[in-house]
């Protein structure tokens, strides 16, 4: 079971009707599983039906969920002016590592 925790800054940045969503972006054509993670706030009503739950306020794209299901990850929010930037403590090449079976803690 995954353990996704939200820092106090991330919890404060989320609006009442929002959740954190780990999305998966395909980056390779030669391997169907090659991709990268992104983290963003999403209104509960906009969470895709296929999304999998990772916590009370955390959902993930099905492909991202497969890679995150056994990990402990912290999500933080860093404001950039009037924008919110949600980040995780995953390494910058986490998508490639997960595709190669090397994303572990």
C-alpha atoms as a PDB file:
ATOM      1  CA  UNK A   1       0.000   0.000   0.000  1.00  0.00           C
ATOM      2  CA  UNK A   2       1.317   3.418  -0.885  1.00  0.00           C
ATOM      3  CA  UNK A   3       1.910   6.145   1.620  1.00  0.00           C
ATOM      4  CA  UNK A   4       1.383   9.522   0.011  1.00  0.00           C
ATOM      5  CA  UNK A   5       1.617  12.378   2.509  1.00  0.00           C
ATOM      6  CA  UNK A   6       0.787  15.999   1.940  1.00  0.00           C
ATOM      7  CA  UNK A   7       2.895  18.621   3.689  1.00  0.00           C
ATOM      8  CA  UNK A   8       1.129  21.388   5.615  1.00  0.00           C
ATOM      9  CA  UNK A   9       1.882  23.766   2.705  1.00  0.00           C
ATOM     10  CA  UNK A  10       0.214  21.368   0.240  1.00  0.00           C
ATOM     11  CA  UNK A  11      -2.824  20.942   2.480  1.00  0.00           C
ATOM     12  CA  UNK A  12      -3.148  24.717   2.870  1.00  0.00           C
ATOM     13  CA  UNK A  13      -2.842  25.262  -0.890  1.00  0.00           C
ATOM     14  CA  UNK A  14      -5.642  22.826  -1.734  1.00  0.00           C
ATOM     15  CA  UNK A  15      -9.069  24.380  -1.988  1.00  0.00           C
ATOM     16  CA  UNK A  16     -12.034  22.638  -0.381  1.00  0.00           C
ATOM     17  CA  UNK A  17     -13.130  20.917  -3.591  1.00  0.00           C
ATOM     18  CA  UNK A  18      -9.647  19.870  -4.778  1.00  0.00           C
ATOM     19  CA  UNK A  19      -7.444  16.788  -4.592  1.00  0.00           C
ATOM     20  CA  UNK A  20      -3.854  16.080  -5.607  1.00  0.00           C
ATOM     21  CA  UNK A  21      -3.600  14.152  -8.871  1.00  0.00           C
ATOM     22  CA  UNK A  22      -0.528  12.254 -10.115  1.00  0.00           C
ATOM     23  CA  UNK A  23      -0.741  12.281 -13.881  1.00  0.00           C
ATOM     24  CA  UNK A  24       1.248  10.143 -16.317  1.00  0.00           C
ATOM     25  CA  UNK A  25       2.626  11.597 -19.546  1.00  0.00           C
ATOM     26  CA  UNK A  26       3.853   9.238 -22.254  1.00  0.00           C
ATOM     27  CA  UNK A  27       7.313  10.301 -23.405  1.00  0.00           C
ATOM     28  CA  UNK A  28       8.423   7.417 -25.593  1.00  0.00           C
ATOM     29  CA  UNK A  29       7.120   5.803 -28.720  1.00  0.00           C
ATOM     30  CA  UNK A  30       9.174   2.631 -28.558  1.00  0.00           C
ATOM     31  CA  UNK A  31       7.937   1.504 -25.156  1.00  0.00           C
ATOM     32  CA  UNK A  32       4.279   1.845 -24.193  1.00  0.00           C
ATOM     33  CA  UNK A  33       5.167   2.334 -20.537  1.00  0.00           C
ATOM     34  CA  UNK A  34       7.795   5.079 -20.934  1.00  0.00           C
ATOM     35  CA  UNK A  35       6.631   8.300 -19.337  1.00  0.00           C
ATOM     36  CA  UNK A  36       6.909  10.825 -16.546  1.00  0.00           C
ATOM     37  CA  UNK A  37       4.867  11.883 -13.527  1.00  0.00           C
ATOM     38  CA  UNK A  38       3.343  15.270 -12.884  1.00  0.00           C
ATOM     39  CA  UNK A  39       1.522  16.425  -9.770  1.00  0.00           C
ATOM     40  CA  UNK A  40      -1.304  18.954  -9.819  1.00  0.00           C
ATOM     41  CA  UNK A  41      -4.409  20.052  -8.020  1.00  0.00           C
ATOM     42  CA  UNK A  42      -7.659  18.954  -9.595  1.00  0.00           C
ATOM     43  CA  UNK A  43     -11.281  19.569  -8.636  1.00  0.00           C
ATOM     44  CA  UNK A  44     -12.954  16.426  -7.323  1.00  0.00           C
ATOM     45  CA  UNK A  45     -15.556  16.680 -10.084  1.00  0.00           C
ATOM     46  CA  UNK A  46     -12.792  16.621 -12.723  1.00  0.00           C
ATOM     47  CA  UNK A  47     -10.972  13.507 -11.475  1.00  0.00           C
ATOM     48  CA  UNK A  48     -11.035  10.990 -14.345  1.00  0.00           C
ATOM     49  CA  UNK A  49     -13.179   7.898 -13.790  1.00  0.00           C
ATOM     50  CA  UNK A  50     -10.168   5.638 -14.343  1.00  0.00           C
ATOM     51  CA  UNK A  51      -8.163   7.379 -11.603  1.00  0.00           C
ATOM     52  CA  UNK A  52      -7.066   5.234  -8.684  1.00  0.00           C
ATOM     53  CA  UNK A  53      -7.107   6.427  -5.094  1.00  0.00           C
ATOM     54  CA  UNK A  54      -3.789   6.683  -3.234  1.00  0.00           C
ATOM     55  CA  UNK A  55      -5.028   8.460  -0.121  1.00  0.00           C
ATOM     56  CA  UNK A  56      -7.747  10.693   1.280  1.00  0.00           C
ATOM     57  CA  UNK A  57      -6.943  13.575  -1.044  1.00  0.00           C
ATOM     58  CA  UNK A  58      -4.651  11.860  -3.536  1.00  0.00           C
ATOM     59  CA  UNK A  59      -5.520  10.173  -6.839  1.00  0.00           C
ATOM     60  CA  UNK A  60      -3.383   8.854  -9.687  1.00  0.00           C
ATOM     61  CA  UNK A  61      -3.631   7.971 -13.358  1.00  0.00           C
ATOM     62  CA  UNK A  62      -3.797   4.146 -13.620  1.00  0.00           C
ATOM     63  CA  UNK A  63      -0.282   3.887 -15.070  1.00  0.00           C
ATOM     64  CA  UNK A  64       1.140   6.223 -12.429  1.00  0.00           C
ATOM     65  CA  UNK A  65      -0.705   4.258  -9.724  1.00  0.00           C
ATOM     66  CA  UNK A  66       1.049   1.045 -10.754  1.00  0.00           C
ATOM     67  CA  UNK A  67       4.428   2.671 -10.136  1.00  0.00           C
ATOM     68  CA  UNK A  68       3.447   4.549  -6.965  1.00  0.00           C
ATOM     69  CA  UNK A  69       1.424   1.845  -5.226  1.00  0.00           C
ATOM     70  CA  UNK A  70       4.283   0.580  -3.056  1.00  0.00           C
ATOM     71  CA  UNK A  71       6.165   3.850  -2.463  1.00  0.00           C
ATOM     72  CA  UNK A  72       6.271   6.452   0.257  1.00  0.00           C
ATOM     73  CA  UNK A  73       6.014   9.885  -1.342  1.00  0.00           C
ATOM     74  CA  UNK A  74       5.662  13.395   0.084  1.00  0.00           C
ATOM     75  CA  UNK A  75       3.861  16.127  -1.853  1.00  0.00           C
ATOM     76  CA  UNK A  76       4.619  19.796  -1.215  1.00  0.00           C
ATOM     77  CA  UNK A  77       3.337  23.051  -2.699  1.00  0.00           C
ATOM     78  CA  UNK A  78       5.548  25.965  -3.641  1.00  0.00           C
ATOM     79  CA  UNK A  79       3.723  29.137  -4.650  1.00  0.00           C
ATOM     80  CA  UNK A  80       4.980  30.959  -7.727  1.00  0.00           C
ATOM     81  CA  UNK A  81       3.324  34.344  -7.552  1.00  0.00           C
ATOM     82  CA  UNK A  82      -0.385  33.665  -7.906  1.00  0.00           C
ATOM     83  CA  UNK A  83       0.182  30.094  -9.148  1.00  0.00           C
ATOM     84  CA  UNK A  84       0.579  26.962  -7.083  1.00  0.00           C
ATOM     85  CA  UNK A  85       3.246  24.421  -7.975  1.00  0.00           C
ATOM     86  CA  UNK A  86       2.756  20.982  -6.480  1.00  0.00           C
ATOM     87  CA  UNK A  87       5.905  18.870  -6.345  1.00  0.00           C
ATOM     88  CA  UNK A  88       6.812  15.456  -5.001  1.00  0.00           C
ATOM     89  CA  UNK A  89      10.009  14.149  -3.500  1.00  0.00           C
ATOM     90  CA  UNK A  90      10.366  11.665  -6.363  1.00  0.00           C
ATOM     91  CA  UNK A  91      13.618  11.968  -8.330  1.00  0.00           C
ATOM     92  CA  UNK A  92      13.412  14.020 -11.551  1.00  0.00           C
ATOM     93  CA  UNK A  93      13.787  10.846 -13.645  1.00  0.00           C
ATOM     94  CA  UNK A  94      11.232   8.836 -11.641  1.00  0.00           C
ATOM     95  CA  UNK A  95       9.235   7.880 -14.747  1.00  0.00           C
ATOM     96  CA  UNK A  96      12.253   6.352 -16.468  1.00  0.00           C
ATOM     97  CA  UNK A  97      13.350   4.602 -13.278  1.00  0.00           C
ATOM     98  CA  UNK A  98       9.890   3.148 -12.735  1.00  0.00           C
ATOM     99  CA  UNK A  99       9.750   1.838 -16.321  1.00  0.00           C
ATOM    100  CA  UNK A 100      13.074   0.095 -15.719  1.00  0.00           C
ATOM    101  CA  UNK A 101      11.904  -1.320 -12.384  1.00  0.00           C
ATOM    102  CA  UNK A 102      14.403   0.764 -10.396  1.00  0.00           C
ATOM    103  CA  UNK A 103      12.147   3.250  -8.597  1.00  0.00           C
ATOM    104  CA  UNK A 104      12.553   2.199  -4.992  1.00  0.00           C
ATOM    105  CA  UNK A 105      13.164   3.885  -1.670  1.00  0.00           C
END
